[in-house]
Structures are given as structure tokens and as C-alpha cells.
């Protein structure tokens, strides 16, 4: 099955944050929406990174008293591995396994 076939049946809205979102706000968005990562977009809605619950956990471990005042841009992954709508699920799964990652943003080809 291709990613686009799955997304055609999924009506869930993609929730994004800006790089200047605080980790406190990002954590609240993750928890309120029962999700584990957020695409990070700039003012032009261009994908520039991804922040996951694990990124926030690491920040909390490193600075438990002040991490919530930090910003997404300080902990996000910006060297992204992405998929496209035409990718098969098997390919996406292999990318995730081989790169030891839990999330792959899907982007439209430009």
C-alpha cells in the first residue's frame, strides 16, 4: 500500500509548531492531541524540522528545572529523512528501521 492510499482514508489534521514554540507548549500540544511528534514549519509553512516527545524527554533530563522555557528550535531534528506520497509502507518501514527513527514526515514532491 502506498502512503497516499492510506492518507486518503485518514481525516486527522496535521498539527504543526513553529521553531519558536516553547517546549512547554509543544508538550501540551502532544499530550492534548495524543500524538508523539510535531512537524516544525517556518512562517512560509515549509517543513524545517520535527520535534518528538523523546526530544522533549531528553531536554527535561538535561535541565529538569528550566527545560519548559526552551524552544523547539533548540531540540528539533532538522536533518530530516522524509517520505513522499508515492512511497510504499514497506519502504517507509525499512527507512525507519535502518535509521532507528520513529517518525518520517511525508511531503509532496516539489
N, C-alpha and C. Protein backbone atom coordinates (compact mmCIF):
# COMPACT_ATOMS: atom_id res chain seq x y z
N UNK A 1 0.85 -1.18 0.00
CA UNK A 1 0.00 0.00 0.00
C UNK A 1 0.89 1.24 0.00
N UNK A 2 0.49 2.21 -0.80
CA UNK A 2 1.22 3.47 -0.85
C UNK A 2 0.71 4.42 0.24
N UNK A 3 1.57 5.31 0.65
CA UNK A 3 1.23 6.29 1.68
C UNK A 3 -0.01 7.08 1.26
N UNK A 4 -0.08 7.48 0.00
CA UNK A 4 -1.22 8.30 -0.44
C UNK A 4 -2.55 7.55 -0.30
N UNK A 5 -2.54 6.24 -0.45
CA UNK A 5 -3.77 5.46 -0.28
C UNK A 5 -4.24 5.50 1.16
N UNK A 6 -3.30 5.39 2.08
CA UNK A 6 -3.65 5.46 3.50
C UNK A 6 -4.15 6.85 3.86
N UNK A 7 -3.42 7.87 3.41
CA UNK A 7 -3.80 9.24 3.76
C UNK A 7 -5.14 9.65 3.18
N UNK A 8 -5.56 9.00 2.11
CA UNK A 8 -6.87 9.29 1.53
C UNK A 8 -8.00 8.88 2.47
N UNK A 9 -7.73 7.94 3.36
CA UNK A 9 -8.75 7.48 4.30
C UNK A 9 -8.58 8.10 5.69
N UNK A 10 -7.49 8.81 5.91
CA UNK A 10 -7.20 9.40 7.21
C UNK A 10 -7.64 10.86 7.22
N UNK A 11 -8.56 11.19 8.09
CA UNK A 11 -9.07 12.55 8.13
C UNK A 11 -8.43 13.38 9.24
N UNK A 12 -7.46 12.83 9.93
CA UNK A 12 -6.81 13.54 11.04
C UNK A 12 -5.98 14.70 10.51
N UNK A 13 -6.14 15.84 11.12
CA UNK A 13 -5.44 17.06 10.72
C UNK A 13 -3.97 16.99 11.17
N UNK A 14 -3.08 17.49 10.35
CA UNK A 14 -1.67 17.58 10.71
C UNK A 14 -1.49 18.82 11.58
N UNK A 15 -0.93 18.62 12.75
CA UNK A 15 -0.70 19.71 13.69
C UNK A 15 0.79 20.05 13.64
N UNK A 16 1.10 21.33 13.46
CA UNK A 16 2.49 21.76 13.35
C UNK A 16 2.79 22.81 14.42
N UNK A 17 4.08 23.07 14.62
CA UNK A 17 4.53 24.14 15.50
C UNK A 17 5.61 24.94 14.80
N UNK A 18 5.88 26.10 15.34
CA UNK A 18 6.97 26.93 14.82
C UNK A 18 8.23 26.63 15.62
N UNK A 19 9.38 26.99 15.11
CA UNK A 19 10.62 26.76 15.86
C UNK A 19 10.68 27.56 17.15
N UNK A 20 9.88 28.62 17.26
CA UNK A 20 9.88 29.46 18.46
C UNK A 20 8.83 29.05 19.49
N UNK A 21 8.20 27.92 19.28
CA UNK A 21 7.27 27.37 20.27
C UNK A 21 8.08 26.89 21.47
N UNK A 22 7.60 27.17 22.67
CA UNK A 22 8.31 26.67 23.85
C UNK A 22 8.10 25.17 23.98
N UNK A 23 9.01 24.52 24.66
CA UNK A 23 8.85 23.08 24.89
C UNK A 23 7.62 22.81 25.75
N UNK A 24 7.30 23.72 26.64
CA UNK A 24 6.08 23.56 27.44
C UNK A 24 4.86 23.51 26.54
N UNK A 25 4.77 24.44 25.60
CA UNK A 25 3.62 24.47 24.69
C UNK A 25 3.62 23.26 23.76
N UNK A 26 4.80 22.87 23.27
CA UNK A 26 4.88 21.70 22.40
C UNK A 26 4.44 20.44 23.15
N UNK A 27 4.87 20.33 24.40
CA UNK A 27 4.49 19.18 25.22
C UNK A 27 2.96 19.15 25.42
N UNK A 28 2.38 20.30 25.66
CA UNK A 28 0.93 20.38 25.84
C UNK A 28 0.20 19.96 24.57
N UNK A 29 0.69 20.40 23.43
CA UNK A 29 0.06 20.02 22.15
C UNK A 29 0.15 18.52 21.93
N UNK A 30 1.31 17.94 22.21
CA UNK A 30 1.47 16.49 22.07
C UNK A 30 0.48 15.74 22.96
N UNK A 31 0.42 16.13 24.22
CA UNK A 31 -0.45 15.45 25.17
C UNK A 31 -1.93 15.67 24.87
N UNK A 32 -2.30 16.90 24.55
CA UNK A 32 -3.71 17.20 24.26
C UNK A 32 -4.23 16.46 23.03
N UNK A 33 -3.34 16.15 22.11
CA UNK A 33 -3.74 15.50 20.86
C UNK A 33 -3.35 14.03 20.79
N UNK A 34 -2.78 13.51 21.87
CA UNK A 34 -2.37 12.09 21.94
C UNK A 34 -1.50 11.70 20.74
N UNK A 35 -0.49 12.55 20.47
CA UNK A 35 0.45 12.28 19.39
C UNK A 35 1.87 12.30 19.95
N UNK A 36 2.83 11.87 19.16
CA UNK A 36 4.19 11.76 19.69
C UNK A 36 5.22 12.59 18.93
N UNK A 37 4.80 13.33 17.91
CA UNK A 37 5.74 14.23 17.25
C UNK A 37 4.99 15.35 16.55
N UNK A 38 5.73 16.41 16.28
CA UNK A 38 5.16 17.57 15.61
C UNK A 38 6.09 18.04 14.50
N UNK A 39 5.59 18.18 13.30
CA UNK A 39 6.39 18.82 12.26
C UNK A 39 6.63 20.28 12.65
N UNK A 40 7.81 20.77 12.38
CA UNK A 40 8.16 22.17 12.67
C UNK A 40 8.21 22.90 11.33
N UNK A 41 7.44 23.97 11.23
CA UNK A 41 7.38 24.72 9.98
C UNK A 41 7.75 26.18 10.23
N UNK A 42 8.29 26.81 9.18
CA UNK A 42 8.64 28.23 9.28
C UNK A 42 7.42 29.08 8.94
N UNK A 43 7.62 30.38 8.83
CA UNK A 43 6.50 31.30 8.58
C UNK A 43 5.87 31.11 7.20
N UNK A 44 6.55 30.37 6.32
CA UNK A 44 6.02 30.07 4.99
C UNK A 44 5.38 28.67 4.93
N UNK A 45 5.21 28.05 6.09
CA UNK A 45 4.68 26.69 6.21
C UNK A 45 5.56 25.65 5.51
N UNK A 46 6.85 25.93 5.45
CA UNK A 46 7.82 24.99 4.91
C UNK A 46 8.36 24.13 6.04
N UNK A 47 8.39 22.84 5.83
CA UNK A 47 8.91 21.92 6.84
C UNK A 47 10.40 22.18 7.06
N UNK A 48 10.77 22.46 8.31
CA UNK A 48 12.18 22.69 8.63
C UNK A 48 12.71 21.75 9.70
N UNK A 49 11.82 20.95 10.28
CA UNK A 49 12.27 20.03 11.32
C UNK A 49 11.13 19.22 11.87
N UNK A 50 11.47 18.45 12.90
CA UNK A 50 10.47 17.65 13.60
C UNK A 50 10.91 17.58 15.06
N UNK A 51 9.94 17.67 15.96
CA UNK A 51 10.23 17.53 17.38
C UNK A 51 9.34 16.42 17.92
N UNK A 52 9.96 15.54 18.69
CA UNK A 52 9.22 14.39 19.23
C UNK A 52 9.17 14.45 20.75
N UNK A 53 8.30 13.62 21.30
CA UNK A 53 8.23 13.51 22.74
C UNK A 53 9.59 13.11 23.32
N UNK A 54 10.31 12.28 22.60
CA UNK A 54 11.64 11.85 23.06
C UNK A 54 12.62 13.02 23.11
N UNK A 55 12.54 13.93 22.15
CA UNK A 55 13.38 15.13 22.18
C UNK A 55 13.11 15.95 23.44
N UNK A 56 11.84 16.07 23.78
CA UNK A 56 11.46 16.84 24.98
C UNK A 56 11.90 16.10 26.24
N UNK A 57 11.77 14.77 26.26
CA UNK A 57 12.22 13.99 27.42
C UNK A 57 13.71 14.20 27.66
N UNK A 58 14.49 14.20 26.57
CA UNK A 58 15.93 14.41 26.70
C UNK A 58 16.23 15.79 27.28
N UNK A 59 15.51 16.80 26.80
CA UNK A 59 15.71 18.16 27.32
C UNK A 59 15.35 18.23 28.79
N UNK A 60 14.30 17.54 29.18
CA UNK A 60 13.88 17.52 30.59
C UNK A 60 14.93 16.84 31.46
N UNK A 61 15.54 15.81 30.96
CA UNK A 61 16.58 15.11 31.70
C UNK A 61 17.81 15.99 31.89
N UNK A 62 18.18 16.71 30.82
CA UNK A 62 19.38 17.56 30.88
C UNK A 62 19.19 18.79 31.76
N UNK A 63 17.98 19.34 31.78
CA UNK A 63 17.72 20.57 32.54
C UNK A 63 16.32 20.53 33.13
N UNK A 64 16.13 19.70 34.17
CA UNK A 64 14.78 19.47 34.68
C UNK A 64 14.05 20.71 35.20
N UNK A 65 14.78 21.70 35.65
CA UNK A 65 14.13 22.88 36.22
C UNK A 65 13.73 23.91 35.18
N UNK A 66 14.43 23.94 34.05
CA UNK A 66 14.21 25.03 33.10
C UNK A 66 13.84 24.59 31.69
N UNK A 67 13.70 23.30 31.44
CA UNK A 67 13.51 22.84 30.06
C UNK A 67 12.25 23.39 29.41
N UNK A 68 11.21 23.64 30.18
CA UNK A 68 9.95 24.06 29.57
C UNK A 68 10.04 25.45 28.95
N UNK A 69 11.03 26.24 29.36
CA UNK A 69 11.21 27.57 28.79
C UNK A 69 12.07 27.53 27.52
N UNK A 70 12.66 26.38 27.22
CA UNK A 70 13.45 26.24 26.00
C UNK A 70 12.52 26.22 24.79
N UNK A 71 13.12 26.36 23.63
CA UNK A 71 12.34 26.42 22.40
C UNK A 71 12.53 25.17 21.55
N UNK A 72 11.52 24.87 20.75
CA UNK A 72 11.56 23.73 19.84
C UNK A 72 12.82 23.76 18.99
N UNK A 73 13.21 24.93 18.50
CA UNK A 73 14.38 25.03 17.62
C UNK A 73 15.66 24.53 18.29
N UNK A 74 15.68 24.48 19.61
CA UNK A 74 16.86 24.04 20.34
C UNK A 74 16.98 22.52 20.40
N UNK A 75 15.89 21.81 20.19
CA UNK A 75 15.92 20.35 20.34
C UNK A 75 15.42 19.58 19.11
N UNK A 76 14.84 20.29 18.15
CA UNK A 76 14.26 19.61 16.99
C UNK A 76 15.33 18.96 16.12
N UNK A 77 14.91 17.97 15.38
CA UNK A 77 15.76 17.36 14.36
C UNK A 77 15.53 18.14 13.07
N UNK A 78 16.61 18.66 12.50
CA UNK A 78 16.46 19.43 11.27
C UNK A 78 17.05 18.72 10.06
N UNK A 79 17.84 17.70 10.29
CA UNK A 79 18.38 16.88 9.20
C UNK A 79 17.40 15.73 8.98
N UNK A 80 16.35 16.01 8.21
CA UNK A 80 15.21 15.10 8.12
C UNK A 80 15.36 14.02 7.05
N UNK A 81 14.81 12.88 7.38
CA UNK A 81 14.55 11.83 6.40
C UNK A 81 13.05 11.90 6.16
N UNK A 82 12.66 12.09 4.92
CA UNK A 82 11.24 12.25 4.61
C UNK A 82 10.79 11.20 3.61
N UNK A 83 9.50 11.00 3.57
CA UNK A 83 8.89 10.14 2.57
C UNK A 83 8.03 10.98 1.64
N UNK A 84 7.60 10.36 0.57
CA UNK A 84 6.69 11.03 -0.36
C UNK A 84 5.42 10.19 -0.50
N UNK A 85 4.40 10.78 -1.05
CA UNK A 85 3.09 10.13 -1.15
C UNK A 85 3.14 8.81 -1.93
N UNK A 86 4.04 8.70 -2.87
CA UNK A 86 4.12 7.50 -3.70
C UNK A 86 4.90 6.36 -3.05
N UNK A 87 5.52 6.60 -1.90
CA UNK A 87 6.28 5.55 -1.22
C UNK A 87 5.36 4.46 -0.70
N UNK A 88 5.85 3.24 -0.73
CA UNK A 88 5.14 2.10 -0.14
C UNK A 88 5.42 2.05 1.35
N UNK A 89 4.48 1.51 2.10
CA UNK A 89 4.66 1.36 3.54
C UNK A 89 5.89 0.51 3.87
N UNK A 90 6.16 -0.49 3.07
CA UNK A 90 7.32 -1.34 3.33
C UNK A 90 8.61 -0.52 3.26
N UNK A 91 8.68 0.37 2.28
CA UNK A 91 9.85 1.24 2.13
C UNK A 91 9.99 2.17 3.33
N UNK A 92 8.89 2.79 3.74
CA UNK A 92 8.90 3.70 4.89
C UNK A 92 9.32 2.93 6.14
N UNK A 93 8.79 1.73 6.31
CA UNK A 93 9.17 0.91 7.46
C UNK A 93 10.66 0.58 7.47
N UNK A 94 11.19 0.26 6.30
CA UNK A 94 12.62 -0.04 6.20
C UNK A 94 13.46 1.20 6.51
N UNK A 95 13.02 2.37 6.04
CA UNK A 95 13.73 3.61 6.37
C UNK A 95 13.77 3.84 7.88
N UNK A 96 12.64 3.62 8.51
CA UNK A 96 12.56 3.82 9.96
C UNK A 96 13.46 2.84 10.70
N UNK A 97 13.41 1.59 10.30
CA UNK A 97 14.23 0.57 10.95
C UNK A 97 15.71 0.82 10.72
N UNK A 98 16.09 1.05 9.49
CA UNK A 98 17.50 1.23 9.15
C UNK A 98 18.12 2.49 9.76
N UNK A 99 17.30 3.50 9.98
CA UNK A 99 17.80 4.76 10.54
C UNK A 99 17.47 4.93 12.02
N UNK A 100 16.83 3.90 12.58
CA UNK A 100 16.47 3.89 14.00
C UNK A 100 15.69 5.15 14.40
N UNK A 101 14.64 5.42 13.62
CA UNK A 101 13.78 6.57 13.89
C UNK A 101 12.33 6.10 13.98
N UNK A 102 11.51 6.89 14.69
CA UNK A 102 10.12 6.51 14.89
C UNK A 102 9.14 7.31 14.04
N UNK A 103 9.60 8.37 13.40
CA UNK A 103 8.70 9.24 12.64
C UNK A 103 9.35 9.65 11.33
N UNK A 104 8.55 9.67 10.28
CA UNK A 104 9.01 10.16 8.98
C UNK A 104 7.92 11.08 8.42
N UNK A 105 8.24 12.36 8.30
CA UNK A 105 7.27 13.26 7.68
C UNK A 105 7.07 12.90 6.21
N UNK A 106 5.85 13.00 5.76
CA UNK A 106 5.53 12.76 4.36
C UNK A 106 5.33 14.12 3.69
N UNK A 107 6.05 14.33 2.60
CA UNK A 107 5.98 15.61 1.91
C UNK A 107 5.56 15.38 0.46
N UNK A 108 4.99 16.40 -0.12
CA UNK A 108 4.66 16.35 -1.54
C UNK A 108 5.91 16.70 -2.33
N UNK A 109 6.12 15.99 -3.43
CA UNK A 109 7.27 16.31 -4.27
C UNK A 109 7.09 17.69 -4.86
N UNK A 110 8.19 18.43 -4.93
CA UNK A 110 8.13 19.79 -5.48
C UNK A 110 8.39 19.76 -6.97
